[in-house]
Amino acid sequence: RCAELQIQLTEAVSTLAGQKELIAKLEHDLSTIQALSTVHRPDAEGAAVPSLEKIPEPIKEATALFYGHPPSPGTSFPEGQVDSLLSIISSQRERFRARNQELEGENRMMQHTVHALQSELDNLRADNIKLYEKIKFLQSYPGRGGSRDDTEQRYSSQYEERLDPFSSFSRKERQRKYLSLSPWDKATLSM
């Protein structure tokens, strides 16, 4: 039983060492790819890259296999490494695609919000112009009283409420009392 466990341990250690080597190679290839992002890219998509010697061999191999070109004779990689690299790249592509779709959805929502806020801003500007016209009219004819429209009524009630010290004090006291309640009391009050 002990010999059996010793053999399993030896196999596990050798597998671990092999995986560590593969991880180190993958990290090296990824750092090389990240270094490539700083290299000047051509203007047109698909144009020839002037310095192909900086691209790691597994990437060249995977690209050649993907496009159906035969691999270069000087390099031979195990099929597992190429498949592993392809699966890593394709899963990363799928993650980026999902993130891109998520960001596009957020962008559409933000654009909708911007349009709604812009229309609200335009309405407020129109209301302000109406109020300015009314003020100018009332200032030019002090003895005349006029009928009130909905714009003037809307702003006059808000203005009076803001000026009233008793309602302001009452509102602040209610807010202070509410904040001093326990979470259970807040939940009960909201129900």
Protein backbone atom coordinates (compact mmCIF):
# COMPACT_ATOMS: atom_id res chain seq x y z
CA ARG A 1 0.00 0.00 0.00
CA CYS A 2 2.85 2.37 0.88
CA ALA A 3 4.66 1.62 -2.39
CA GLU A 4 1.45 2.29 -4.33
CA LEU A 5 1.06 5.66 -2.63
CA GLN A 6 4.72 6.46 -3.28
CA ILE A 7 4.23 5.77 -7.01
CA GLN A 8 1.11 7.98 -7.09
CA LEU A 9 3.04 10.74 -5.31
CA THR A 10 5.89 10.51 -7.81
CA GLU A 11 3.42 10.69 -10.72
CA ALA A 12 1.65 13.68 -9.13
CA VAL A 13 4.96 15.51 -8.59
CA SER A 14 6.02 14.92 -12.21
CA THR A 15 2.62 16.07 -13.47
CA LEU A 16 2.88 19.17 -11.27
CA ALA A 17 6.36 19.95 -12.61
CA GLY A 18 5.11 19.59 -16.19
CA GLN A 19 2.16 21.86 -15.50
CA LYS A 20 4.43 24.45 -13.89
CA GLU A 21 6.59 24.44 -17.01
CA LEU A 22 3.51 24.91 -19.21
CA ILE A 23 2.25 27.73 -17.00
CA ALA A 24 5.63 29.47 -17.13
CA LYS A 25 5.68 29.12 -20.94
CA LEU A 26 2.12 30.46 -21.20
CA GLU A 27 2.95 33.42 -18.95
CA HIS A 28 6.03 34.13 -21.06
CA ASP A 29 3.98 33.97 -24.27
CA LEU A 30 1.31 36.23 -22.77
CA SER A 31 3.92 38.76 -21.64
CA THR A 32 5.36 38.69 -25.16
CA ILE A 33 1.89 39.30 -26.59
CA GLN A 34 1.39 42.21 -24.19
CA ALA A 35 4.74 43.61 -25.29
CA LEU A 36 3.50 43.37 -28.88
CA SER A 37 0.61 45.71 -28.06
CA THR A 38 3.15 48.54 -27.73
CA VAL A 39 4.69 47.78 -31.13
CA HIS A 40 3.55 50.14 -33.91
CA ARG A 41 0.58 48.63 -35.69
CA PRO A 42 -0.03 49.14 -39.39
CA ASP A 43 -2.74 51.52 -40.57
CA ALA A 44 -4.84 49.00 -42.44
CA GLU A 45 -6.24 45.88 -40.88
CA GLY A 46 -4.63 42.81 -42.33
CA ALA A 47 -1.55 44.66 -43.55
CA ALA A 48 1.79 42.91 -43.23
CA VAL A 49 3.52 43.33 -39.89
CA PRO A 50 7.12 44.49 -40.43
CA SER A 51 8.62 42.53 -37.52
CA LEU A 52 7.23 38.99 -37.43
CA GLU A 53 10.19 37.73 -35.42
CA LYS A 54 8.67 39.23 -32.24
CA ILE A 55 5.56 37.03 -32.42
CA PRO A 56 5.89 33.88 -30.30
CA GLU A 57 6.10 30.61 -32.18
CA PRO A 58 2.95 29.07 -30.59
CA ILE A 59 0.95 32.04 -31.84
CA LYS A 60 2.39 31.66 -35.35
CA GLU A 61 1.66 27.94 -35.21
CA ALA A 62 -1.91 28.42 -33.97
CA THR A 63 -2.58 31.09 -36.59
CA ALA A 64 -1.21 28.87 -39.35
CA LEU A 65 -3.38 25.96 -38.23
CA PHE A 66 -6.42 28.23 -37.93
CA TYR A 67 -6.06 29.49 -41.50
CA GLY A 68 -5.19 26.04 -42.86
CA HIS A 69 -1.57 26.82 -43.76
CA PRO A 70 0.98 24.13 -43.08
CA PRO A 71 3.20 24.83 -40.08
CA SER A 72 6.72 26.06 -40.68
CA PRO A 73 9.17 23.15 -40.93
CA GLY A 74 11.54 24.48 -38.25
CA THR A 75 8.97 24.37 -35.45
CA SER A 76 7.09 21.39 -34.15
CA PHE A 77 4.83 21.67 -31.13
CA PRO A 78 2.78 18.95 -29.56
CA GLU A 79 -0.84 19.00 -30.69
CA GLY A 80 -1.97 19.48 -27.09
CA GLN A 81 -0.11 22.78 -26.74
CA VAL A 82 -1.62 24.23 -29.89
CA ASP A 83 -5.11 23.06 -28.91
CA SER A 84 -4.60 24.45 -25.41
CA LEU A 85 -3.49 27.80 -26.79
CA LEU A 86 -6.42 27.89 -29.21
CA SER A 87 -8.87 27.13 -26.42
CA ILE A 88 -7.35 29.88 -24.25
CA ILE A 89 -7.55 32.41 -27.07
CA SER A 90 -11.09 31.43 -28.03
CA SER A 91 -12.33 31.60 -24.43
CA GLN A 92 -10.68 35.00 -24.04
CA ARG A 93 -12.36 36.12 -27.27
CA GLU A 94 -15.75 34.95 -25.92
CA ARG A 95 -15.17 36.85 -22.66
CA PHE A 96 -14.27 39.99 -24.60
CA ARG A 97 -17.31 39.55 -26.84
CA ALA A 98 -19.63 39.22 -23.82
CA ARG A 99 -18.03 42.24 -22.15
CA ASN A 100 -18.34 44.20 -25.39
CA GLN A 101 -22.06 43.37 -25.63
CA GLU A 102 -22.53 44.38 -22.00
CA LEU A 103 -20.75 47.69 -22.60
CA GLU A 104 -22.81 48.33 -25.73
CA GLY A 105 -26.00 47.79 -23.71
CA GLU A 106 -24.78 50.22 -21.06
CA ASN A 107 -23.88 52.69 -23.79
CA ARG A 108 -27.41 52.49 -25.25
CA MET A 109 -28.92 53.04 -21.79
CA MET A 110 -26.65 56.03 -21.19
CA GLN A 111 -27.56 57.52 -24.56
CA HIS A 112 -31.25 57.10 -23.72
CA THR A 113 -30.67 58.81 -20.36
CA VAL A 114 -28.76 61.64 -22.05
CA HIS A 115 -31.61 62.19 -24.52
CA ALA A 116 -34.19 62.21 -21.70
CA LEU A 117 -32.14 64.67 -19.66
CA GLN A 118 -31.60 66.86 -22.72
CA SER A 119 -35.35 67.05 -23.38
CA GLU A 120 -35.97 67.85 -19.70
CA LEU A 121 -33.33 70.57 -19.88
CA ASP A 122 -34.98 72.03 -22.97
CA ASN A 123 -38.36 72.08 -21.16
CA LEU A 124 -36.82 73.82 -18.15
CA ARG A 125 -35.22 76.42 -20.38
CA ALA A 126 -38.58 77.09 -22.03
CA ASP A 127 -40.20 77.44 -18.57
CA ASN A 128 -37.49 79.86 -17.49
CA ILE A 129 -38.04 81.98 -20.57
CA LYS A 130 -41.77 82.11 -19.86
CA LEU A 131 -41.09 83.14 -16.27
CA TYR A 132 -38.66 85.82 -17.39
CA GLU A 133 -41.25 87.20 -19.78
CA LYS A 134 -43.84 87.30 -16.99
CA ILE A 135 -41.42 89.04 -14.63
CA LYS A 136 -40.60 91.65 -17.26
CA PHE A 137 -44.30 92.15 -17.93
CA LEU A 138 -45.16 92.51 -14.26
CA GLN A 139 -42.29 94.91 -13.70
CA SER A 140 -43.39 97.12 -16.59
CA TYR A 141 -47.05 97.28 -15.40
CA PRO A 142 -47.06 97.29 -11.59
CA GLY A 143 -50.74 98.11 -11.17
CA ARG A 144 -52.11 95.28 -13.27
CA GLY A 145 -52.81 91.81 -11.99
CA GLY A 146 -52.97 88.92 -14.39
CA SER A 147 -54.18 85.38 -14.55
CA ARG A 148 -51.76 82.66 -13.49
CA ASP A 149 -50.87 79.80 -15.80
CA ASP A 150 -49.60 76.36 -14.78
CA THR A 151 -45.90 77.28 -15.14
CA GLU A 152 -46.21 80.14 -12.69
CA GLN A 153 -48.27 78.03 -10.25
CA ARG A 154 -45.78 75.19 -10.35
CA TYR A 155 -42.82 77.39 -9.46
CA SER A 156 -44.68 79.62 -7.02
CA SER A 157 -45.70 76.66 -4.81
CA GLN A 158 -42.13 75.34 -4.76
CA TYR A 159 -40.80 78.79 -4.00
CA GLU A 160 -43.25 79.35 -1.12
CA GLU A 161 -42.50 75.95 0.36
CA ARG A 162 -38.79 76.65 0.32
CA LEU A 163 -39.26 79.98 2.05
CA ASP A 164 -41.56 78.69 4.81
CA PRO A 165 -39.32 78.14 7.89
CA PHE A 166 -41.88 75.94 9.67
CA SER A 167 -42.19 73.41 6.86
CA SER A 168 -38.40 73.37 6.47
CA PHE A 169 -37.94 72.70 10.22
CA SER A 170 -40.66 70.03 10.16
CA ARG A 171 -39.01 68.29 7.20
CA LYS A 172 -35.59 68.30 8.90
CA GLU A 173 -37.06 66.95 12.16
CA ARG A 174 -38.84 64.12 10.33
CA GLN A 175 -35.58 63.23 8.55
CA ARG A 176 -33.65 63.27 11.85
CA LYS A 177 -36.23 61.02 13.56
CA TYR A 178 -36.27 58.61 10.63
CA LEU A 179 -32.47 58.29 10.66
CA SER A 180 -32.49 57.54 14.39
CA LEU A 181 -34.87 54.55 13.95
CA SER A 182 -33.58 50.99 13.98
CA PRO A 183 -33.67 49.03 10.71
CA TRP A 184 -36.63 46.98 11.98
CA ASP A 185 -38.60 50.13 12.76
CA LYS A 186 -37.75 51.58 9.36
CA ALA A 187 -39.03 48.41 7.66
CA THR A 188 -42.22 48.50 9.74
CA LEU A 189 -42.75 52.17 8.94
CA SER A 190 -42.26 51.60 5.21
CA MET A 191 -44.87 48.81 5.28
